[in-house]
Every structure is written in C-alpha cells, then in structure tokens.
PDB file of N, CA and C in Angstrom:
ATOM      1  N   MET A   1       0.839  -1.322  -0.136  1.00  0.00           N
ATOM      2  CA  MET A   1      -0.221   0.339  -0.166  1.00  0.00           C
ATOM      3  C   MET A   1       1.072   1.442  -0.038  1.00  0.00           C
ATOM      4  N   ILE A   2       0.481   2.294  -0.607  1.00  0.00           N
ATOM      5  CA  ILE A   2       1.011   3.455  -0.145  1.00  0.00           C
ATOM      6  C   ILE A   2       0.273   4.892   0.303  1.00  0.00           C
ATOM      7  N   ASN A   3       1.508   5.274   0.522  1.00  0.00           N
ATOM      8  CA  ASN A   3       1.637   6.147   2.384  1.00  0.00           C
ATOM      9  C   ASN A   3       1.009   7.350   1.031  1.00  0.00           C
ATOM     10  N   SER A   4      -0.845   7.748   0.865  1.00  0.00           N
ATOM     11  CA  SER A   4      -1.046   8.800   0.959  1.00  0.00           C
ATOM     12  C   SER A   4      -0.396  10.223   1.522  1.00  0.00           C
ATOM     13  N   GLU A   5       0.448  10.058   2.324  1.00  0.00           N
ATOM     14  CA  GLU A   5       1.289  11.544   2.120  1.00  0.00           C
ATOM     15  C   GLU A   5       2.034  11.975   1.513  1.00  0.00           C
ATOM     16  N   VAL A   6       2.992  10.659   0.314  1.00  0.00           N
ATOM     17  CA  VAL A   6       3.839  10.719  -0.025  1.00  0.00           C
ATOM     18  C   VAL A   6       3.618  11.045  -1.796  1.00  0.00           C
ATOM     19  N   VAL A   7       2.554  10.103  -1.812  1.00  0.00           N
ATOM     20  CA  VAL A   7       1.937  10.432  -3.429  1.00  0.00           C
ATOM     21  C   VAL A   7       1.499  11.961  -4.154  1.00  0.00           C
ATOM     22  N   GLU A   8       2.158  12.536  -4.654  1.00  0.00           N
ATOM     23  CA  GLU A   8       2.092  13.452  -5.843  1.00  0.00           C
ATOM     24  C   GLU A   8       1.371  14.145  -7.204  1.00  0.00           C
ATOM     25  N   ASN A   9      -0.033  14.766  -6.864  1.00  0.00           N
ATOM     26  CA  ASN A   9      -0.588  14.654  -7.894  1.00  0.00           C
ATOM     27  C   ASN A   9      -0.307  15.823  -9.312  1.00  0.00           C
ATOM     28  N   LEU A  10      -0.362  16.143  -9.964  1.00  0.00           N
ATOM     29  CA  LEU A  10       0.699  16.943 -10.879  1.00  0.00           C
ATOM     30  C   LEU A  10       1.147  18.154 -10.428  1.00  0.00           C
ATOM     31  N   ASN A  11      -0.169  18.515  -9.663  1.00  0.00           N
ATOM     32  CA  ASN A  11       0.151  19.896  -9.840  1.00  0.00           C
ATOM     33  C   ASN A  11       1.257  20.114  -7.655  1.00  0.00           C
ATOM     34  N   GLY A  12       1.705  19.045  -7.378  1.00  0.00           N
ATOM     35  CA  GLY A  12       2.679  19.259  -6.588  1.00  0.00           C
ATOM     36  C   GLY A  12       1.434  18.907  -4.674  1.00  0.00           C
ATOM     37  N   PHE A  13       0.724  18.805  -4.919  1.00  0.00           N
ATOM     38  CA  PHE A  13       0.011  19.127  -3.873  1.00  0.00           C
ATOM     39  C   PHE A  13       0.241  17.118  -2.879  1.00  0.00           C
ATOM     40  N   SER A  14       0.255  16.946  -1.714  1.00  0.00           N
ATOM     41  CA  SER A  14      -0.256  15.317  -1.586  1.00  0.00           C
ATOM     42  C   SER A  14      -1.672  15.334  -0.896  1.00  0.00           C
ATOM     43  N   GLU A  15      -1.850  13.505  -1.708  1.00  0.00           N
ATOM     44  CA  GLU A  15      -3.408  13.490  -1.060  1.00  0.00           C
ATOM     45  C   GLU A  15      -3.916  14.215   0.124  1.00  0.00           C
ATOM     46  N   VAL A  16      -3.185  14.185   0.705  1.00  0.00           N
ATOM     47  CA  VAL A  16      -3.427  15.102   2.601  1.00  0.00           C
ATOM     48  C   VAL A  16      -4.313  15.796   2.017  1.00  0.00           C
ATOM     49  N   GLU A  17      -3.009  16.836   1.641  1.00  0.00           N
ATOM     50  CA  GLU A  17      -3.407  18.143   1.453  1.00  0.00           C
ATOM     51  C   GLU A  17      -4.030  18.338   0.532  1.00  0.00           C
ATOM     52  N   LEU A  18      -4.827  17.211  -0.519  1.00  0.00           N
ATOM     53  CA  LEU A  18      -6.340  18.045  -0.968  1.00  0.00           C
ATOM     54  C   LEU A  18      -7.409  17.438  -0.567  1.00  0.00           C
ATOM     55  N   ALA A  19      -7.419  16.665   0.419  1.00  0.00           N
ATOM     56  CA  ALA A  19      -8.531  16.613   1.100  1.00  0.00           C
ATOM     57  C   ALA A  19      -8.635  17.382   2.059  1.00  0.00           C
ATOM     58  N   GLU A  20      -7.383  17.953   2.531  1.00  0.00           N
ATOM     59  CA  GLU A  20      -7.904  19.635   3.562  1.00  0.00           C
ATOM     60  C   GLU A  20      -8.641  20.131   2.792  1.00  0.00           C
ATOM     61  N   THR A  21      -8.057  20.749   1.869  1.00  0.00           N
ATOM     62  CA  THR A  21      -8.576  22.021   1.252  1.00  0.00           C
ATOM     63  C   THR A  21      -9.705  21.863   0.783  1.00  0.00           C
ATOM     64  N   LYS A  22     -10.116  19.990   0.078  1.00  0.00           N
ATOM     65  CA  LYS A  22     -11.692  20.519  -0.239  1.00  0.00           C
ATOM     66  C   LYS A  22     -12.625  20.364   1.360  1.00  0.00           C
ATOM     67  N   VAL A  23     -11.912  19.745   2.552  1.00  0.00           N
ATOM     68  CA  VAL A  23     -12.898  20.641   3.512  1.00  0.00           C
ATOM     69  C   VAL A  23     -12.757  21.292   3.887  1.00  0.00           C
ATOM     70  N   ALA A  24     -12.012  22.632   3.559  1.00  0.00           N
ATOM     71  CA  ALA A  24     -12.091  24.160   3.986  1.00  0.00           C
ATOM     72  C   ALA A  24     -13.157  24.385   2.843  1.00  0.00           C
ATOM     73  N   LEU A  25     -13.007  24.419   1.437  1.00  0.00           N
ATOM     74  CA  LEU A  25     -13.793  24.855   0.594  1.00  0.00           C
ATOM     75  C   LEU A  25     -15.159  24.557   1.037  1.00  0.00           C
ATOM     76  N   HIS A  26     -15.464  23.294   1.701  1.00  0.00           N
ATOM     77  CA  HIS A  26     -17.044  22.605   1.824  1.00  0.00           C
ATOM     78  C   HIS A  26     -16.961  23.849   2.894  1.00  0.00           C
ATOM     79  N   GLU A  27     -16.431  23.967   4.036  1.00  0.00           N
ATOM     80  CA  GLU A  27     -16.729  24.872   4.995  1.00  0.00           C
ATOM     81  C   GLU A  27     -16.957  26.146   4.815  1.00  0.00           C
ATOM     82  N   VAL A  28     -16.184  26.896   3.614  1.00  0.00           N
ATOM     83  CA  VAL A  28     -16.490  28.150   3.169  1.00  0.00           C
ATOM     84  C   VAL A  28     -18.280  28.725   2.268  1.00  0.00           C
ATOM     85  N   ALA A  29     -17.798  27.002   1.542  1.00  0.00           N
ATOM     86  CA  ALA A  29     -19.439  27.293   0.999  1.00  0.00           C
ATOM     87  C   ALA A  29     -20.326  26.953   1.834  1.00  0.00           C
ATOM     88  N   VAL A  30     -20.196  26.541   2.986  1.00  0.00           N
ATOM     89  CA  VAL A  30     -21.189  26.411   4.069  1.00  0.00           C
ATOM     90  C   VAL A  30     -21.661  27.592   5.007  1.00  0.00           C
ATOM     91  N   GLU A  31     -20.391  28.251   5.351  1.00  0.00           N
ATOM     92  CA  GLU A  31     -20.750  29.447   5.441  1.00  0.00           C
ATOM     93  C   GLU A  31     -21.277  30.429   4.579  1.00  0.00           C
ATOM     94  N   MET A  32     -20.704  30.312   3.347  1.00  0.00           N
ATOM     95  CA  MET A  32     -21.285  31.651   2.356  1.00  0.00           C
ATOM     96  C   MET A  32     -23.179  31.654   1.849  1.00  0.00           C
ATOM     97  N   SER A  33     -23.738  30.279   2.302  1.00  0.00           N
ATOM     98  CA  SER A  33     -24.674  30.338   2.158  1.00  0.00           C
ATOM     99  C   SER A  33     -25.486  30.874   3.377  1.00  0.00           C
ATOM    100  N   LYS A  34     -25.308  30.741   4.482  1.00  0.00           N
ATOM    101  CA  LYS A  34     -25.657  31.719   5.961  1.00  0.00           C
ATOM    102  C   LYS A  34     -25.826  32.986   5.684  1.00  0.00           C
ATOM    103  N   LEU A  35     -25.201  33.761   4.744  1.00  0.00           N
ATOM    104  CA  LEU A  35     -24.700  35.270   4.362  1.00  0.00           C
ATOM    105  C   LEU A  35     -26.050  35.666   4.382  1.00  0.00           C
ATOM    106  N   SER A  36     -26.854  34.612   3.715  1.00  0.00           N
ATOM    107  CA  SER A  36     -28.486  35.530   3.069  1.00  0.00           C
ATOM    108  C   SER A  36     -29.356  34.576   3.932  1.00  0.00           C
ATOM    109  N   THR A  37     -30.266  35.118   4.186  1.00  0.00           N
ATOM    110  CA  THR A  37     -31.612  34.434   4.824  1.00  0.00           C
ATOM    111  C   THR A  37     -31.919  33.748   3.716  1.00  0.00           C
ATOM    112  N   ASN A  38     -32.452  33.714   2.386  1.00  0.00           N
ATOM    113  CA  ASN A  38     -32.818  32.791   1.685  1.00  0.00           C
ATOM    114  C   ASN A  38     -31.846  31.703   0.841  1.00  0.00           C
ATOM    115  N   GLY A  39     -30.266  31.666   1.548  1.00  0.00           N
ATOM    116  CA  GLY A  39     -29.884  30.636   0.779  1.00  0.00           C
ATOM    117  C   GLY A  39     -29.784  29.768   1.681  1.00  0.00           C
ATOM    118  N   GLU A  40     -29.033  28.670   0.577  1.00  0.00           N
ATOM    119  CA  GLU A  40     -29.722  26.816   0.444  1.00  0.00           C
ATOM    120  C   GLU A  40     -27.819  26.404   0.502  1.00  0.00           C
ATOM    121  N   PHE A  41     -27.785  25.599   0.946  1.00  0.00           N
ATOM    122  CA  PHE A  41     -26.301  24.661   0.516  1.00  0.00           C
ATOM    123  C   PHE A  41     -26.661  23.260  -0.121  1.00  0.00           C
ATOM    124  N   TRP A  42     -26.639  22.905  -1.752  1.00  0.00           N
ATOM    125  CA  TRP A  42     -26.736  22.160  -2.251  1.00  0.00           C
ATOM    126  C   TRP A  42     -25.756  21.457  -2.676  1.00  0.00           C
ATOM    127  N   ILE A  43     -25.721  19.711  -2.777  1.00  0.00           N
ATOM    128  CA  ILE A  43     -24.774  19.172  -3.004  1.00  0.00           C
ATOM    129  C   ILE A  43     -24.651  18.516  -4.363  1.00  0.00           C
ATOM    130  N   ALA A  44     -24.296  18.750  -5.775  1.00  0.00           N
ATOM    131  CA  ALA A  44     -24.804  17.808  -6.961  1.00  0.00           C
ATOM    132  C   ALA A  44     -24.632  16.691  -7.377  1.00  0.00           C
ATOM    133  N   LYS A  45     -24.392  15.988  -6.104  1.00  0.00           N
ATOM    134  CA  LYS A  45     -24.014  14.105  -6.333  1.00  0.00           C
ATOM    135  C   LYS A  45     -23.690  13.835  -8.176  1.00  0.00           C
ATOM    136  N   ASN A  46     -22.699  13.202  -7.708  1.00  0.00           N
ATOM    137  CA  ASN A  46     -22.519  12.649  -9.653  1.00  0.00           C
ATOM    138  C   ASN A  46     -21.729  13.735 -10.041  1.00  0.00           C
ATOM    139  N   SER A  47     -21.709  15.077  -9.508  1.00  0.00           N
ATOM    140  CA  SER A  47     -21.439  16.636 -11.050  1.00  0.00           C
ATOM    141  C   SER A  47     -20.192  16.546 -10.933  1.00  0.00           C
ATOM    142  N   GLY A  48     -19.707  16.985 -11.424  1.00  0.00           N
ATOM    143  CA  GLY A  48     -18.312  17.493 -11.328  1.00  0.00           C
ATOM    144  C   GLY A  48     -17.692  19.065 -11.881  1.00  0.00           C
ATOM    145  N   HIS A  49     -17.558  19.770 -12.143  1.00  0.00           N
ATOM    146  CA  HIS A  49     -17.578  21.493 -12.697  1.00  0.00           C
ATOM    147  C   HIS A  49     -18.142  21.635 -13.122  1.00  0.00           C
ATOM    148  N   ASN A  50     -18.822  21.511 -14.256  1.00  0.00           N
ATOM    149  CA  ASN A  50     -19.760  21.276 -15.047  1.00  0.00           C
ATOM    150  C   ASN A  50     -21.326  21.204 -14.557  1.00  0.00           C
ATOM    151  N   ILE A  51     -21.412  21.282 -13.910  1.00  0.00           N
ATOM    152  CA  ILE A  51     -23.024  20.643 -13.115  1.00  0.00           C
ATOM    153  C   ILE A  51     -23.982  20.867 -14.085  1.00  0.00           C
ATOM    154  N   HIS A  52     -23.819  22.308 -15.029  1.00  0.00           N
ATOM    155  CA  HIS A  52     -24.953  22.286 -15.805  1.00  0.00           C
ATOM    156  C   HIS A  52     -24.849  21.287 -17.044  1.00  0.00           C
ATOM    157  N   VAL A  53     -23.913  20.886 -17.558  1.00  0.00           N
ATOM    158  CA  VAL A  53     -23.981  19.362 -18.065  1.00  0.00           C
ATOM    159  C   VAL A  53     -24.307  17.681 -16.815  1.00  0.00           C
ATOM    160  N   GLU A  54     -23.434  17.840 -16.548  1.00  0.00           N
ATOM    161  CA  GLU A  54     -23.819  16.572 -15.733  1.00  0.00           C
ATOM    162  C   GLU A  54     -24.994  16.181 -15.005  1.00  0.00           C
ATOM    163  N   ASN A  55     -25.947  17.559 -14.672  1.00  0.00           N
ATOM    164  CA  ASN A  55     -27.246  17.276 -13.884  1.00  0.00           C
ATOM    165  C   ASN A  55     -28.123  18.773 -14.385  1.00  0.00           C
ATOM    166  N   PRO A  56     -28.424  18.348 -15.681  1.00  0.00           N
ATOM    167  CA  PRO A  56     -29.140  19.885 -15.704  1.00  0.00           C
ATOM    168  C   PRO A  56     -30.411  19.692 -15.116  1.00  0.00           C
ATOM    169  N   GLU A  57     -30.920  19.357 -14.861  1.00  0.00           N
ATOM    170  CA  GLU A  57     -31.999  19.234 -13.664  1.00  0.00           C
ATOM    171  C   GLU A  57     -31.967  19.770 -12.504  1.00  0.00           C
ATOM    172  N   LEU A  58     -30.933  19.139 -11.797  1.00  0.00           N
ATOM    173  CA  LEU A  58     -30.550  20.099 -10.917  1.00  0.00           C
ATOM    174  C   LEU A  58     -30.549  21.225 -11.134  1.00  0.00           C
ATOM    175  N   VAL A  59     -30.396  21.978 -11.749  1.00  0.00           N
ATOM    176  CA  VAL A  59     -29.452  23.858 -12.380  1.00  0.00           C
ATOM    177  C   VAL A  59     -30.916  23.991 -12.339  1.00  0.00           C
ATOM    178  N   LEU A  60     -31.964  23.455 -13.723  1.00  0.00           N
ATOM    179  CA  LEU A  60     -33.059  24.226 -13.538  1.00  0.00           C
ATOM    180  C   LEU A  60     -33.875  24.135 -12.481  1.00  0.00           C
ATOM    181  N   LYS A  61     -33.658  23.364 -11.362  1.00  0.00           N
ATOM    182  CA  LYS A  61     -34.761  23.333  -9.989  1.00  0.00           C
ATOM    183  C   LYS A  61     -34.287  24.489  -9.307  1.00  0.00           C
ATOM    184  N   ALA A  62     -32.997  24.867  -9.592  1.00  0.00           N
ATOM    185  CA  ALA A  62     -32.631  25.921  -8.362  1.00  0.00           C
ATOM    186  C   ALA A  62     -32.631  26.584  -8.837  1.00  0.00           C
ATOM    187  N   ILE A  63     -32.503  27.038 -10.504  1.00  0.00           N
ATOM    188  CA  ILE A  63     -33.240  28.668 -11.195  1.00  0.00           C
ATOM    189  C   ILE A  63     -34.754  28.400 -10.748  1.00  0.00           C
ATOM    190  N   LYS A  64     -35.339  27.358 -11.335  1.00  0.00           N
ATOM    191  CA  LYS A  64     -36.875  27.696 -10.609  1.00  0.00           C
ATOM    192  C   LYS A  64     -37.305  28.525  -9.262  1.00  0.00           C
ATOM    193  N   LYS A  65     -36.581  27.526  -8.454  1.00  0.00           N
ATOM    194  CA  LYS A  65     -36.480  28.154  -6.948  1.00  0.00           C
ATOM    195  C   LYS A  65     -36.309  29.531  -6.233  1.00  0.00           C
ATOM    196  N   VAL A  66     -35.195  30.187  -7.067  1.00  0.00           N
ATOM    197  CA  VAL A  66     -35.138  31.111  -7.076  1.00  0.00           C
ATOM    198  C   VAL A  66     -36.066  31.903  -8.100  1.00  0.00           C
ATOM    199  N   CYS A  67     -36.791  32.074  -9.106  1.00  0.00           N
ATOM    200  CA  CYS A  67     -37.599  32.664  -9.664  1.00  0.00           C
ATOM    201  C   CYS A  67     -39.233  32.326  -8.888  1.00  0.00           C
ATOM    202  N   ASP A  68     -39.310  31.331  -8.208  1.00  0.00           N
ATOM    203  CA  ASP A  68     -40.670  30.769  -7.230  1.00  0.00           C
ATOM    204  C   ASP A  68     -40.560  31.870  -6.383  1.00  0.00           C
ATOM    205  N   CYS A  69     -39.758  32.477  -5.964  1.00  0.00           N
ATOM    206  CA  CYS A  69     -39.552  33.000  -4.604  1.00  0.00           C
ATOM    207  C   CYS A  69     -39.433  34.545  -4.594  1.00  0.00           C
ATOM    208  N   HIS A  70     -39.119  35.099  -6.344  1.00  0.00           N
ATOM    209  CA  HIS A  70     -39.227  35.956  -6.346  1.00  0.00           C
ATOM    210  C   HIS A  70     -41.198  36.688  -7.578  1.00  0.00           C
ATOM    211  N   VAL A  71     -41.736  35.658  -7.533  1.00  0.00           N
ATOM    212  CA  VAL A  71     -42.918  35.569  -8.314  1.00  0.00           C
ATOM    213  C   VAL A  71     -43.874  37.077  -7.068  1.00  0.00           C
ATOM    214  N   GLY A  72     -43.747  38.026  -8.105  1.00  0.00           N
ATOM    215  CA  GLY A  72     -45.117  39.093  -7.212  1.00  0.00           C
ATOM    216  C   GLY A  72     -43.592  40.418  -6.943  1.00  0.00           C
ATOM    217  N   ALA A  73     -42.697  39.932  -6.391  1.00  0.00           N
ATOM    218  CA  ALA A  73     -42.544  40.704  -6.221  1.00  0.00           C
ATOM    219  C   ALA A  73     -41.861  41.471  -7.305  1.00  0.00           C
ATOM    220  N   TYR A  74     -41.247  41.084  -8.503  1.00  0.00           N
ATOM    221  CA  TYR A  74     -41.476  42.640  -9.171  1.00  0.00           C
ATOM    222  C   TYR A  74     -42.544  41.606 -10.594  1.00  0.00           C
ATOM    223  N   PRO A  75     -43.000  43.248 -11.337  1.00  0.00           N
ATOM    224  CA  PRO A  75     -44.506  42.792 -11.823  1.00  0.00           C
ATOM    225  C   PRO A  75     -43.889  42.562 -13.051  1.00  0.00           C
ATOM    226  N   SER A  76     -42.345  42.414 -13.608  1.00  0.00           N
ATOM    227  CA  SER A  76     -42.182  41.208 -14.891  1.00  0.00           C
ATOM    228  C   SER A  76     -41.813  39.888 -14.588  1.00  0.00           C
ATOM    229  N   VAL A  77     -41.906  39.755 -13.407  1.00  0.00           N
ATOM    230  CA  VAL A  77     -41.065  38.096 -13.085  1.00  0.00           C
ATOM    231  C   VAL A  77     -43.052  36.902 -12.713  1.00  0.00           C
ATOM    232  N   ARG A  78     -42.399  36.215 -13.940  1.00  0.00           N
ATOM    233  CA  ARG A  78     -44.114  35.573 -14.317  1.00  0.00           C
ATOM    234  C   ARG A  78     -43.127  34.509 -13.595  1.00  0.00           C
TER     235      ARG A  78
END
C-alpha cells in the first residue's frame, strides 16, 4: 500500500493536502450560504465542475426555486 502523504498529483499537492483543501472549501461554501436569509447549500452528487452539463435537472430546479421566490415581488417576473 502506498502512503498517501507521499503520493503527489500533477500540481505537487499530496492527497492529504488535497483532502484538507476540499474540507476547507466545503466549510467556506456552507458559511457563504448562511450570509443570506434565503441562502441554501446544495450538493450536486455525481457532478463535477460542469453541473449544468452533468446534472441540468438540478440546475433548472435551482433556477425555478429562485424565480418562484420572486414571483409577485417584481411585476415582470412570472
């Protein structure tokens, strides 16, 4: 078995460093979602960076949710 602290990816970061960074970014994203009274934190499972391509239904659901929250608030939004 290979020691994960020794294995490096192409950018020179160890697997441990990458895992720690992923946890930190997750924590920041959760905190950012709390900055708004309407903020939500969603995880797009089985999706990578291109969520709009890999999980378009989720993107449409999120857009619809935002629009539904604003119906009536602005006359031009239906």
